[in-house]
Amino acid sequence: MHSPRPPHPTDWSAASLWHALRTDAPLILGTATVAALLTWGTLALRAPEYTATSSLMSAPSGSSDPVFTTAPPLPPGAVERALHSVALVQDLVTRMQGSGLDTDTVTRLAATLRSELGTQDFEVLTVTSQINDQQGGTYVVAARAAAPREAKVLADAAADALLAWDRQRAVEGVTRLQRSLRSYLATLDSRIAATTDAGRRTALLQAQQIAADRLAQLEQVQDAATGTLYPLAAAVEPTRSGTGSPLGPALAVLVALTALGTAVVARLGSPRRPRPQRATQVPGVQELGWLPTLRSTALDDPDTRRRNAVALLRGNVLAQLEPGVKRVVVSGAQDSTDASLVAAQLARSVAAAGQRVLLVDAHAGAPQQRLWVAPTAHWQLLPGAAPQARAATTLASALTFPEGAQAQTVAPGVDVLGGPDPQVLDLNRVEGLDTLLSRWSEEYDLMIVDAPTLDTPDAALALCAGRRSLLVVREDTADRAGQLGALRATLPTAHRILLGVVWSGVAQGWGAMSGRERRSTGRGPTSHTQDSGAL
């Protein structure tokens, strides 16, 4: 017997995800809603933050006159570094003290600015720039604070401090020129006093007059000296907090966790469902398969987990058949369509492995006729039937008139004997039942009989005819051992006819039911069941 395999990856189709969401909507949506509410509450309790901006323009002078070009161009990053300097922070604090803000607010803001200087992590005041190659453009000073007025005062104070710093650069340029001119005039005075040549003296006196005029000009423009920065737009008191509404992030958390929870449930299975059980050890009863919920709408199921579960059942069933036995009687322990579905899926799987299957529909209501989609019009004469004989296409008519027994081909490698028949057939009273079934199976690799349920086990016993060929289908239950024990008590000859049990509707993770290797019983498949080892 084959060892149970680990779970196969979940199908990520829209149908599987919708099924997971629909099945566990209270758990998924409840968890996502709680997380969204926590997010909303956390953001709603957060202190508001307001941002105000003040703009400066950089316009270097195009004049070559040193009187008007005393402030050198600003290199990249100079304004930002100047704003985050000790001198400008001190100037900012001084300006805020005269802005009308209360003392506690000024003290708090001053402490925050000085703390950022120490950590070099600046969040209260930032500068962004758009400067061209000629050092022209704009600087935007952004100030963040807990109140709108605080943000406006900070932004304006920072802009004023930068303008004062830039003007001081221009004043220092004028002062340097004045010092140079005074030194030059002192040198001219010494040279004039030492010169006796009248022509040279006249030239020196002219130079002295020019320098004196320039010095007087500098003294006049010193108070009006300007740098390269000019005010562009003052700050406006903000009306809305920059932190935004907590509703958007809360909705994003709700959607993200709903999607994540759906994917987790689709992949791992619902935590509210019972976890897969280990293989149950009941003497005389083998567990041959663990099938998830089967679909009656399509036997060619695209779900990888279902296909592999059926393939595992196929290998285990073929491995359990005794040599020379080519008959598997599938019966349900309760009145449901699970047994018919398992019989059809098993026939499809065996045929897909290259073997021919005769599926005998002995179940009340002929469910196999509804399970197979679009059967072909091809009919196959069963062994012992004559071409010229009257056609017998139902199980009752074929048992009564075997000379005309015919099976309909419903899929490649699968022929079905049986269909709607008004005649009520008591299989226990059919003479030669086992002989006819054995004859019909001669040209097939395997015969699968969709038998009546075990409510009255006589029909299943008649179809088995003492052979070890009965496969019982039961819906999965929490008390597997108790159900298997009751099944063994129901069948007086269970030790001789029972192949094993297959559970249907097993929760995801069926492959992990046994933590140890399940070894074959030693009764391998017959020579025509090569696929039993090809899983």
Protein backbone atom coordinates (compact mmCIF):
# COMPACT_ATOMS: atom_id res chain seq x y z
CA MET A 1 0.00 0.00 0.00
CA HIS A 2 1.22 3.48 -0.72
CA SER A 3 2.25 5.90 2.00
CA PRO A 4 0.08 8.96 2.49
CA ARG A 5 1.60 11.95 0.78
CA PRO A 6 1.96 15.45 2.20
CA PRO A 7 -0.77 17.92 1.28
CA HIS A 8 -0.56 19.31 -2.21
CA PRO A 9 -0.53 23.07 -2.80
CA THR A 10 -3.94 24.65 -2.72
CA ASP A 11 -5.61 25.75 -5.91
CA TRP A 12 -5.43 29.57 -5.97
CA SER A 13 -8.44 29.90 -8.25
CA ALA A 14 -11.13 32.49 -7.60
CA ALA A 15 -13.56 29.68 -6.73
CA SER A 16 -11.32 28.27 -3.98
CA LEU A 17 -10.69 31.71 -2.49
CA TRP A 18 -14.40 32.54 -2.56
CA HIS A 19 -15.18 29.23 -0.89
CA ALA A 20 -12.64 29.97 1.88
CA LEU A 21 -14.08 33.44 2.46
CA ARG A 22 -17.66 32.24 2.41
CA THR A 23 -16.97 29.32 4.74
CA ASP A 24 -14.99 31.27 7.33
CA ALA A 25 -16.37 34.78 6.83
CA PRO A 26 -17.03 35.40 10.57
CA LEU A 27 -13.46 34.49 11.50
CA ILE A 28 -11.75 36.30 8.60
CA LEU A 29 -13.89 39.44 8.63
CA GLY A 30 -13.99 39.55 12.43
CA THR A 31 -10.20 39.48 12.72
CA ALA A 32 -9.78 42.06 9.95
CA THR A 33 -12.43 44.34 11.52
CA VAL A 34 -10.79 44.23 14.95
CA ALA A 35 -7.40 45.09 13.42
CA ALA A 36 -8.96 47.94 11.41
CA LEU A 37 -10.65 49.35 14.52
CA LEU A 38 -7.37 49.19 16.45
CA THR A 39 -5.63 50.99 13.58
CA TRP A 40 -8.33 53.65 13.48
CA GLY A 41 -8.20 54.15 17.26
CA THR A 42 -4.40 54.37 17.32
CA LEU A 43 -4.33 56.96 14.54
CA ALA A 44 -7.27 58.91 15.99
CA LEU A 45 -5.50 59.24 19.35
CA ARG A 46 -2.32 60.44 17.69
CA ALA A 47 -1.47 64.10 18.29
CA PRO A 48 -2.31 66.30 15.26
CA GLU A 49 0.50 67.76 13.21
CA TYR A 50 0.20 70.93 11.13
CA THR A 51 2.58 72.05 8.39
CA ALA A 52 3.18 75.63 7.23
CA THR A 53 5.56 76.72 4.48
CA SER A 54 7.38 79.95 3.73
CA SER A 55 9.16 80.58 0.39
CA LEU A 56 12.38 82.43 -0.49
CA MET A 57 13.74 83.35 -3.91
CA SER A 58 17.39 83.11 -4.89
CA ALA A 59 18.38 85.76 -7.46
CA PRO A 60 22.14 86.40 -7.70
CA SER A 61 23.11 89.88 -8.97
CA GLY A 62 24.40 90.12 -12.52
CA SER A 63 26.47 93.25 -11.83
CA SER A 64 30.26 93.16 -11.85
CA ASP A 65 30.47 96.06 -9.38
CA PRO A 66 31.82 94.72 -6.09
CA VAL A 67 29.51 97.06 -4.22
CA PHE A 68 26.54 95.04 -5.45
CA THR A 69 28.14 91.59 -5.47
CA THR A 70 29.45 91.33 -1.95
CA ALA A 71 27.52 88.11 -1.16
CA PRO A 72 28.97 85.06 -2.97
CA PRO A 73 26.60 82.53 -4.64
CA LEU A 74 25.09 79.88 -2.40
CA PRO A 75 26.45 76.35 -3.02
CA PRO A 76 24.04 73.36 -2.93
CA GLY A 77 22.94 72.48 0.60
CA ALA A 78 24.24 75.72 2.13
CA VAL A 79 20.78 77.04 3.08
CA GLU A 80 19.74 73.75 4.73
CA ARG A 81 23.00 73.51 6.69
CA ALA A 82 22.69 77.13 7.77
CA LEU A 83 19.14 76.58 9.02
CA HIS A 84 20.33 73.61 11.11
CA SER A 85 23.14 75.52 12.83
CA VAL A 86 23.47 76.69 16.41
CA ALA A 87 23.50 80.37 15.43
CA LEU A 88 20.28 80.22 13.43
CA VAL A 89 18.51 78.09 16.05
CA GLN A 90 19.38 80.73 18.62
CA ASP A 91 18.11 83.46 16.26
CA LEU A 92 14.91 81.44 15.75
CA VAL A 93 14.32 81.19 19.50
CA THR A 94 14.85 84.95 19.87
CA ARG A 95 12.40 85.69 17.07
CA MET A 96 9.76 83.31 18.53
CA GLN A 97 10.02 85.06 21.90
CA GLY A 98 8.82 88.22 20.22
CA SER A 99 6.15 86.55 18.07
CA GLY A 100 3.38 86.44 20.66
CA LEU A 101 3.64 82.72 21.46
CA ASP A 102 3.40 81.88 25.15
CA THR A 103 6.55 81.14 27.08
CA ASP A 104 5.83 77.41 27.58
CA THR A 105 5.33 76.92 23.84
CA VAL A 106 8.55 78.77 22.99
CA THR A 107 10.46 76.76 25.59
CA ARG A 108 9.09 73.48 24.22
CA LEU A 109 9.89 74.39 20.61
CA ALA A 110 13.36 75.61 21.54
CA ALA A 111 14.07 72.33 23.36
CA THR A 112 12.89 70.34 20.34
CA LEU A 113 15.08 72.32 17.92
CA ARG A 114 18.16 71.96 20.14
CA SER A 115 17.47 68.24 20.57
CA GLU A 116 17.38 67.79 16.79
CA LEU A 117 20.74 69.55 16.55
CA GLY A 118 22.18 66.95 18.88
CA THR A 119 20.71 63.97 17.04
CA GLN A 120 21.08 65.48 13.54
CA ASP A 121 17.60 64.16 12.79
CA PHE A 122 15.58 67.13 11.59
CA GLU A 123 11.79 66.88 11.37
CA VAL A 124 10.48 70.21 12.73
CA LEU A 125 12.17 72.38 10.07
CA THR A 126 13.07 71.18 6.57
CA VAL A 127 14.19 72.94 3.39
CA THR A 128 13.50 71.89 -0.20
CA SER A 129 14.95 73.74 -3.16
CA GLN A 130 14.53 74.14 -6.90
CA ILE A 131 17.72 75.86 -8.07
CA ASN A 132 19.07 76.15 -11.63
CA ASP A 133 22.69 76.21 -12.78
CA GLN A 134 22.88 80.00 -12.31
CA GLN A 135 21.95 79.61 -8.63
CA GLY A 136 18.50 81.04 -9.28
CA GLY A 137 15.29 79.46 -8.04
CA THR A 138 13.26 78.98 -4.86
CA TYR A 139 13.74 77.61 -1.37
CA VAL A 140 10.70 76.33 0.57
CA VAL A 141 10.96 76.21 4.35
CA ALA A 142 8.44 73.75 5.92
CA ALA A 143 7.65 73.88 9.65
CA ARG A 144 5.74 71.16 11.52
CA ALA A 145 4.05 71.82 14.86
CA ALA A 146 1.18 70.66 17.05
CA ALA A 147 -0.89 73.83 16.42
CA PRO A 148 -1.53 75.90 13.28
CA ARG A 149 -0.18 79.14 14.79
CA GLU A 150 2.98 77.42 16.00
CA ALA A 151 3.64 76.08 12.50
CA LYS A 152 3.13 79.52 10.90
CA VAL A 153 5.37 81.31 13.42
CA LEU A 154 8.10 78.68 13.00
CA ALA A 155 8.04 78.90 9.19
CA ASP A 156 8.13 82.73 9.13
CA ALA A 157 10.80 82.89 11.83
CA ALA A 158 12.96 80.40 9.94
CA ALA A 159 12.60 82.39 6.69
CA ASP A 160 13.45 85.66 8.47
CA ALA A 161 16.47 84.05 10.12
CA LEU A 162 17.72 82.82 6.75
CA LEU A 163 17.26 86.30 5.22
CA ALA A 164 19.17 87.85 8.10
CA TRP A 165 21.92 85.27 7.72
CA ASP A 166 22.16 85.96 3.98
CA ARG A 167 22.20 89.78 4.54
CA GLN A 168 24.95 89.34 7.09
CA ARG A 169 26.95 87.59 4.39
CA ALA A 170 26.55 90.74 2.21
CA VAL A 171 27.46 93.08 5.10
CA GLU A 172 30.58 91.05 5.80
CA GLY A 173 31.51 91.47 2.11
CA VAL A 174 31.12 95.26 2.35
CA THR A 175 33.15 95.31 5.54
CA ARG A 176 35.96 93.38 3.91
CA LEU A 177 36.01 95.89 1.00
CA GLN A 178 36.11 98.80 3.45
CA ARG A 179 39.07 97.29 5.28
CA SER A 180 40.86 96.76 1.98
CA LEU A 181 40.21 100.36 0.84
CA ARG A 182 41.36 101.86 4.15
CA SER A 183 44.56 99.83 3.96
CA TYR A 184 45.01 100.98 0.35
CA LEU A 185 44.48 104.67 1.34
CA ALA A 186 47.07 104.38 4.12
CA THR A 187 49.54 103.01 1.61
CA LEU A 188 48.80 105.87 -0.81
CA ASP A 189 49.32 108.46 1.96
CA SER A 190 52.75 107.01 2.71
CA ARG A 191 53.74 106.96 -0.95
CA ILE A 192 52.51 110.55 -1.55
CA ALA A 193 54.50 111.81 1.42
CA ALA A 194 57.64 110.09 0.17
CA THR A 195 57.32 111.19 -3.51
CA THR A 196 59.11 114.36 -4.76
CA ASP A 197 58.28 113.86 -8.42
CA ALA A 198 55.45 116.20 -9.31
CA GLY A 199 53.92 113.97 -12.04
CA ARG A 200 53.98 110.84 -9.92
CA ARG A 201 52.58 112.74 -6.98
CA THR A 202 49.68 113.94 -9.14
CA ALA A 203 48.86 110.34 -10.19
CA LEU A 204 48.94 109.11 -6.58
CA LEU A 205 46.66 111.95 -5.50
CA GLN A 206 44.17 110.97 -8.21
CA ALA A 207 44.25 107.33 -7.06
CA GLN A 208 43.77 108.49 -3.50
CA GLN A 209 40.67 110.47 -4.49
CA ILE A 210 39.17 107.50 -6.34
CA ALA A 211 39.72 105.18 -3.34
CA ALA A 212 38.27 107.76 -0.96
CA ASP A 213 35.18 108.09 -3.16
CA ARG A 214 34.74 104.30 -3.23
CA LEU A 215 35.10 104.09 0.54
CA ALA A 216 32.49 106.81 1.01
CA GLN A 217 30.19 104.91 -1.38
CA LEU A 218 30.58 101.67 0.59
CA GLU A 219 29.80 103.44 3.86
CA GLN A 220 26.60 104.75 2.31
CA VAL A 221 25.36 101.33 1.01
CA GLN A 222 26.46 99.28 3.99
CA ASP A 223 23.09 99.52 5.73
CA ALA A 224 21.27 98.62 2.49
CA ALA A 225 23.46 95.61 1.62
CA THR A 226 21.53 92.52 0.49
CA GLY A 227 22.52 88.92 -0.25
CA THR A 228 21.14 86.49 -2.83
CA LEU A 229 17.92 85.57 -0.95
CA TYR A 230 14.69 87.54 -1.13
CA PRO A 231 11.29 86.92 0.52
CA LEU A 232 8.81 85.31 -1.87
CA ALA A 233 5.75 84.15 0.12
CA ALA A 234 5.00 84.28 3.83
CA ALA A 235 3.53 81.29 5.66
CA VAL A 236 -0.22 80.79 5.91
CA GLU A 237 -1.77 79.35 9.04
CA PRO A 238 -2.82 75.75 8.08
CA THR A 239 -6.43 74.69 8.56
CA ARG A 240 -6.06 70.89 8.30
CA SER A 241 -3.81 68.49 10.11
CA GLY A 242 -1.11 66.85 8.04
CA THR A 243 -1.69 63.47 9.71
CA GLY A 244 -4.89 63.01 7.69
CA SER A 245 -8.00 61.02 8.50
CA PRO A 246 -7.51 57.60 10.16
CA LEU A 247 -10.32 56.17 8.02
CA GLY A 248 -8.14 55.53 4.95
CA PRO A 249 -5.44 53.47 6.75
CA ALA A 250 -8.13 51.58 8.68
CA LEU A 251 -9.90 50.59 5.44
CA ALA A 252 -6.57 49.56 3.92
CA VAL A 253 -5.89 47.30 6.92
CA LEU A 254 -9.40 45.81 6.64
CA VAL A 255 -8.98 44.97 2.94
CA ALA A 256 -5.41 43.68 3.32
CA LEU A 257 -6.18 41.40 6.28
CA THR A 258 -9.34 40.10 4.62
CA ALA A 259 -7.34 39.13 1.54
CA LEU A 260 -4.52 37.66 3.64
CA GLY A 261 -6.92 35.73 5.87
CA THR A 262 -8.73 34.31 2.84
CA ALA A 263 -5.45 33.16 1.32
CA VAL A 264 -4.30 31.58 4.60
CA VAL A 265 -7.58 29.70 5.07
CA ALA A 266 -7.52 28.55 1.44
CA ARG A 267 -3.93 27.32 1.85
CA LEU A 268 -3.93 25.82 5.34
CA GLY A 269 -7.60 25.12 5.96
CA SER A 270 -9.94 26.60 8.52
CA PRO A 271 -8.74 26.53 12.14
CA ARG A 272 -12.38 26.00 13.12
CA ARG A 273 -12.60 22.67 11.29
CA PRO A 274 -11.39 19.48 12.95
CA ARG A 275 -7.80 18.69 12.14
CA PRO A 276 -7.09 15.55 10.08
CA GLN A 277 -6.91 12.39 12.13
CA ARG A 278 -4.23 9.80 12.08
CA ALA A 279 -4.83 6.41 10.52
CA THR A 280 -7.16 4.39 12.74
CA GLN A 281 -5.96 0.98 13.83
CA VAL A 282 -8.93 -1.44 13.83
CA PRO A 283 -7.99 -5.09 13.26
CA GLY A 284 -9.39 -6.49 10.01
CA VAL A 285 -10.31 -3.10 8.51
CA GLN A 286 -7.92 -1.27 6.20
CA GLU A 287 -8.15 2.46 5.50
CA LEU A 288 -7.41 2.83 1.78
CA GLY A 289 -8.22 6.47 1.03
CA TRP A 290 -8.98 9.89 2.42
CA LEU A 291 -10.92 11.95 -0.10
CA PRO A 292 -11.93 15.60 0.15
CA THR A 293 -15.44 16.59 -0.83
CA LEU A 294 -16.01 15.26 -4.35
CA ARG A 295 -17.84 17.16 -7.07
CA SER A 296 -20.65 15.47 -8.96
CA THR A 297 -20.64 18.08 -11.75
CA ALA A 298 -17.40 17.05 -13.41
CA LEU A 299 -15.40 13.86 -13.15
CA ASP A 300 -12.40 15.58 -14.77
CA ASP A 301 -11.78 17.58 -11.60
CA PRO A 302 -9.02 20.23 -12.04
CA ASP A 303 -8.35 20.30 -8.29
CA THR A 304 -4.89 18.81 -7.78
CA ARG A 305 -5.66 17.69 -4.23
CA ARG A 306 -8.73 15.72 -5.29
CA ARG A 307 -6.94 14.11 -8.24
CA ASN A 308 -4.03 12.98 -6.07
CA ALA A 309 -6.37 11.68 -3.39
CA VAL A 310 -8.18 9.53 -5.97
CA ALA A 311 -4.83 8.37 -7.39
CA LEU A 312 -3.72 7.32 -3.92
CA LEU A 313 -6.98 5.39 -3.45
CA ARG A 314 -6.51 3.70 -6.84
CA GLY A 315 -3.02 2.49 -5.96
CA ASN A 316 -4.08 1.22 -2.53
CA VAL A 317 -7.14 -0.60 -3.88
CA LEU A 318 -5.21 -2.33 -6.66
CA ALA A 319 -2.49 -3.30 -4.22
CA GLN A 320 -5.07 -4.94 -1.93
CA LEU A 321 -6.72 -7.09 -4.61
CA GLU A 322 -5.81 -10.73 -4.35
CA PRO A 323 -4.28 -12.43 -7.41
CA GLY A 324 -6.92 -13.27 -10.00
CA VAL A 325 -9.56 -10.92 -8.54
CA LYS A 326 -10.62 -8.19 -10.97
CA ARG A 327 -13.79 -7.05 -9.20
CA VAL A 328 -14.22 -4.09 -6.78
CA VAL A 329 -17.64 -3.66 -5.20
CA VAL A 330 -18.14 -0.09 -3.98
CA SER A 331 -20.89 0.41 -1.40
CA GLY A 332 -21.81 3.28 0.89
CA ALA A 333 -22.43 2.82 4.57
CA GLN A 334 -25.27 5.32 4.37
CA ASP A 335 -27.75 6.51 1.75
CA SER A 336 -25.83 9.14 -0.22
CA THR A 337 -24.22 9.64 -3.60
CA ASP A 338 -20.68 9.43 -2.20
CA ALA A 339 -20.26 5.76 -3.11
CA SER A 340 -21.38 6.35 -6.71
CA LEU A 341 -19.00 9.32 -6.97
CA VAL A 342 -16.10 7.26 -5.62
CA ALA A 343 -16.89 4.42 -8.05
CA ALA A 344 -16.95 6.85 -11.00
CA GLN A 345 -13.77 8.67 -9.92
CA LEU A 346 -11.98 5.36 -9.35
CA ALA A 347 -13.01 4.14 -12.81
CA ARG A 348 -11.83 7.37 -14.41
CA SER A 349 -8.46 7.16 -12.59
CA VAL A 350 -7.85 3.52 -13.53
CA ALA A 351 -8.76 4.23 -17.19
CA ALA A 352 -6.44 7.25 -17.21
CA ALA A 353 -3.62 4.86 -16.25
CA GLY A 354 -4.19 2.93 -19.50
CA GLN A 355 -6.49 0.13 -18.30
CA ARG A 356 -9.99 -0.84 -19.42
CA VAL A 357 -12.78 -0.65 -16.85
CA LEU A 358 -16.32 -2.03 -16.84
CA LEU A 359 -18.46 0.02 -14.45
CA VAL A 360 -21.60 -1.88 -13.42
CA ASP A 361 -24.38 0.39 -12.11
CA ALA A 362 -26.27 -1.70 -9.55
CA HIS A 363 -27.26 1.27 -7.40
CA ALA A 364 -30.90 2.25 -7.06
CA GLY A 365 -31.79 5.09 -9.40
CA ALA A 366 -28.89 4.41 -11.80
CA PRO A 367 -26.75 7.41 -10.65
CA GLN A 368 -23.90 6.61 -13.07
CA GLN A 369 -26.07 7.73 -16.00
CA ARG A 370 -26.17 11.22 -14.48
CA LEU A 371 -22.53 11.42 -13.48
CA TRP A 372 -20.93 10.89 -16.86
CA VAL A 373 -21.18 13.91 -19.12
CA ALA A 374 -22.11 13.50 -22.80
CA PRO A 375 -21.63 9.72 -23.17
CA THR A 376 -20.85 8.47 -26.66
CA ALA A 377 -23.28 6.48 -28.78
CA HIS A 378 -20.85 3.56 -28.89
CA TRP A 379 -22.04 0.28 -27.38
CA GLN A 380 -19.74 -2.59 -26.48
CA LEU A 381 -20.92 -6.21 -26.60
CA LEU A 382 -20.04 -7.96 -23.35
CA PRO A 383 -18.40 -11.39 -23.41
CA GLY A 384 -21.00 -14.07 -24.18
CA ALA A 385 -23.33 -11.69 -26.04
CA ALA A 386 -24.26 -12.16 -29.71
CA PRO A 387 -24.37 -9.26 -32.21
CA GLN A 388 -27.73 -10.34 -33.64
CA ALA A 389 -29.41 -10.77 -30.24
CA ARG A 390 -31.84 -8.27 -28.81
CA ALA A 391 -29.92 -5.53 -26.96
CA ALA A 392 -29.96 -5.69 -23.16
CA THR A 393 -28.57 -2.34 -21.94
CA THR A 394 -29.66 -2.28 -18.29
CA LEU A 395 -28.33 -4.48 -15.53
CA ALA A 396 -31.69 -6.14 -14.96
CA SER A 397 -32.17 -6.94 -18.64
CA ALA A 398 -28.54 -8.09 -19.05
CA LEU A 399 -28.88 -10.48 -16.10
CA THR A 400 -32.16 -11.78 -17.51
CA PHE A 401 -30.97 -11.96 -21.15
CA PRO A 402 -27.14 -12.14 -21.11
CA GLU A 403 -27.03 -12.99 -24.83
CA GLY A 404 -27.80 -9.33 -25.59
CA ALA A 405 -25.75 -7.68 -22.79
CA GLN A 406 -24.19 -4.38 -23.94
CA ALA A 407 -22.27 -1.64 -22.12
CA GLN A 408 -22.11 1.99 -23.21
CA THR A 409 -18.73 3.69 -23.63
CA VAL A 410 -18.86 6.85 -21.52
CA ALA A 411 -15.18 7.81 -21.57
CA PRO A 412 -11.93 6.49 -23.03
CA GLY A 413 -11.38 3.10 -21.38
CA VAL A 414 -14.66 3.19 -19.38
CA ASP A 415 -17.80 1.23 -20.31
CA VAL A 416 -20.95 1.42 -18.15
CA LEU A 417 -23.49 -1.38 -17.82
CA GLY A 418 -26.76 -0.19 -16.29
CA GLY A 419 -29.31 2.54 -16.56
CA PRO A 420 -32.88 3.50 -15.69
CA ASP A 421 -34.95 0.33 -15.48
CA PRO A 422 -38.51 0.02 -14.17
CA GLN A 423 -37.82 -3.56 -13.13
CA VAL A 424 -36.96 -4.01 -9.44
CA LEU A 425 -34.08 -6.45 -9.24
CA ASP A 426 -33.33 -8.60 -6.19
CA LEU A 427 -29.68 -9.47 -6.65
CA ASN A 428 -29.88 -12.25 -4.03
CA ARG A 429 -32.29 -14.16 -6.23
CA VAL A 430 -30.39 -13.88 -9.50
CA GLU A 431 -29.09 -17.30 -10.48
CA GLY A 432 -25.55 -17.37 -11.76
CA LEU A 433 -24.88 -13.74 -10.74
CA ASP A 434 -21.25 -14.34 -9.90
CA THR A 435 -20.72 -16.38 -13.08
CA LEU A 436 -22.13 -13.61 -15.29
CA LEU A 437 -20.10 -10.87 -13.57
CA SER A 438 -16.93 -12.93 -13.92
CA ARG A 439 -17.63 -13.59 -17.60
CA TRP A 440 -18.29 -9.90 -18.33
CA SER A 441 -15.03 -8.89 -16.69
CA GLU A 442 -12.92 -11.23 -18.84
CA GLU A 443 -12.10 -8.60 -21.49
CA TYR A 444 -11.52 -5.83 -18.95
CA ASP A 445 -8.65 -5.11 -16.60
CA LEU A 446 -11.01 -4.23 -13.76
CA MET A 447 -14.74 -4.37 -12.99
CA ILE A 448 -16.10 -1.77 -10.58
CA VAL A 449 -19.62 -2.35 -9.24
CA ASP A 450 -21.60 0.61 -7.91
CA ALA A 451 -23.48 -1.45 -5.34
CA PRO A 452 -26.49 -0.69 -3.11
CA THR A 453 -25.80 0.71 0.35
CA LEU A 454 -25.01 -1.47 3.34
CA ASP A 455 -28.34 -0.74 5.03
CA THR A 456 -29.17 -4.27 3.88
CA PRO A 457 -25.78 -5.90 3.26
CA ASP A 458 -27.16 -8.94 1.41
CA ALA A 459 -26.86 -7.26 -2.02
CA ALA A 460 -23.22 -6.31 -1.45
CA LEU A 461 -22.45 -9.83 -0.19
CA ALA A 462 -24.06 -11.33 -3.30
CA LEU A 463 -21.99 -9.08 -5.58
CA CYS A 464 -18.77 -9.99 -3.77
CA ALA A 465 -19.58 -13.72 -3.88
CA GLY A 466 -17.15 -14.43 -1.08
CA ARG A 467 -14.24 -12.63 -2.71
CA ARG A 468 -12.23 -9.99 -0.91
CA SER A 469 -13.52 -7.15 -3.07
CA LEU A 470 -15.79 -4.85 -1.00
CA LEU A 471 -14.78 -1.18 -0.72
CA VAL A 472 -16.91 0.74 1.77
CA VAL A 473 -17.33 4.52 1.47
CA ARG A 474 -18.05 6.43 4.68
CA GLU A 475 -18.34 10.14 5.39
CA ASP A 476 -15.51 11.29 7.62
CA THR A 477 -16.29 11.42 11.32
CA ALA A 478 -14.55 12.30 14.56
CA ASP A 479 -15.03 8.74 15.83
CA ARG A 480 -13.41 6.74 13.07
CA ALA A 481 -12.50 3.81 15.26
CA GLY A 482 -16.08 3.44 16.50
CA GLN A 483 -17.46 3.59 12.96
CA LEU A 484 -15.00 0.98 11.71
CA GLY A 485 -15.83 -1.30 14.64
CA ALA A 486 -19.56 -0.97 13.89
CA LEU A 487 -18.90 -1.74 10.23
CA ARG A 488 -17.03 -4.92 11.09
CA ALA A 489 -19.91 -5.99 13.33
CA THR A 490 -22.43 -5.31 10.52
CA LEU A 491 -20.62 -7.58 8.05
CA PRO A 492 -20.44 -11.12 9.42
CA THR A 493 -17.86 -12.10 6.80
CA ALA A 494 -15.93 -8.82 6.86
CA HIS A 495 -12.59 -10.55 7.27
CA ARG A 496 -13.13 -12.40 3.97
CA ILE A 497 -14.82 -9.82 1.70
CA LEU A 498 -13.71 -6.39 2.95
CA LEU A 499 -10.93 -4.69 1.00
CA GLY A 500 -11.06 -1.59 3.15
CA VAL A 501 -12.72 1.73 3.82
CA VAL A 502 -12.38 5.10 2.10
CA TRP A 503 -13.34 8.29 3.97
CA SER A 504 -15.04 11.11 2.06
CA GLY A 505 -15.30 14.78 2.97
CA VAL A 506 -11.94 14.76 4.77
CA ALA A 507 -10.60 18.18 5.83
CA GLN A 508 -7.53 19.60 4.11
CA GLY A 509 -4.30 17.99 5.22
CA TRP A 510 -5.55 14.44 4.61
CA GLY A 511 -2.05 13.35 3.62
CA ALA A 512 -0.72 13.96 7.13
CA MET A 513 -3.01 11.44 8.81
CA SER A 514 -0.32 8.90 9.37
CA GLY A 515 3.01 9.87 10.80
CA ARG A 516 4.67 6.59 9.83
CA GLU A 517 5.15 4.64 6.63
CA ARG A 518 2.21 2.39 5.75
CA ARG A 519 3.59 -0.81 4.32
CA SER A 520 1.92 -3.04 1.77
CA THR A 521 0.22 -6.17 3.08
CA GLY A 522 2.25 -8.26 0.68
CA ARG A 523 -0.72 -9.02 -1.57
CA GLY A 524 0.40 -7.04 -4.59
CA PRO A 525 -1.68 -6.18 -7.63
CA THR A 526 -2.22 -8.62 -10.40
CA SER A 527 -0.21 -8.47 -13.58
CA HIS A 528 -2.72 -6.22 -15.31
CA THR A 529 -2.55 -3.49 -12.65
CA GLN A 530 0.87 -2.06 -13.51
CA ASP A 531 -0.23 1.44 -12.44
CA SER A 532 -0.54 0.59 -8.77
CA GLY A 533 3.08 1.49 -8.28
CA ALA A 534 3.19 4.47 -10.59
CA LEU A 535 1.90 7.09 -8.19
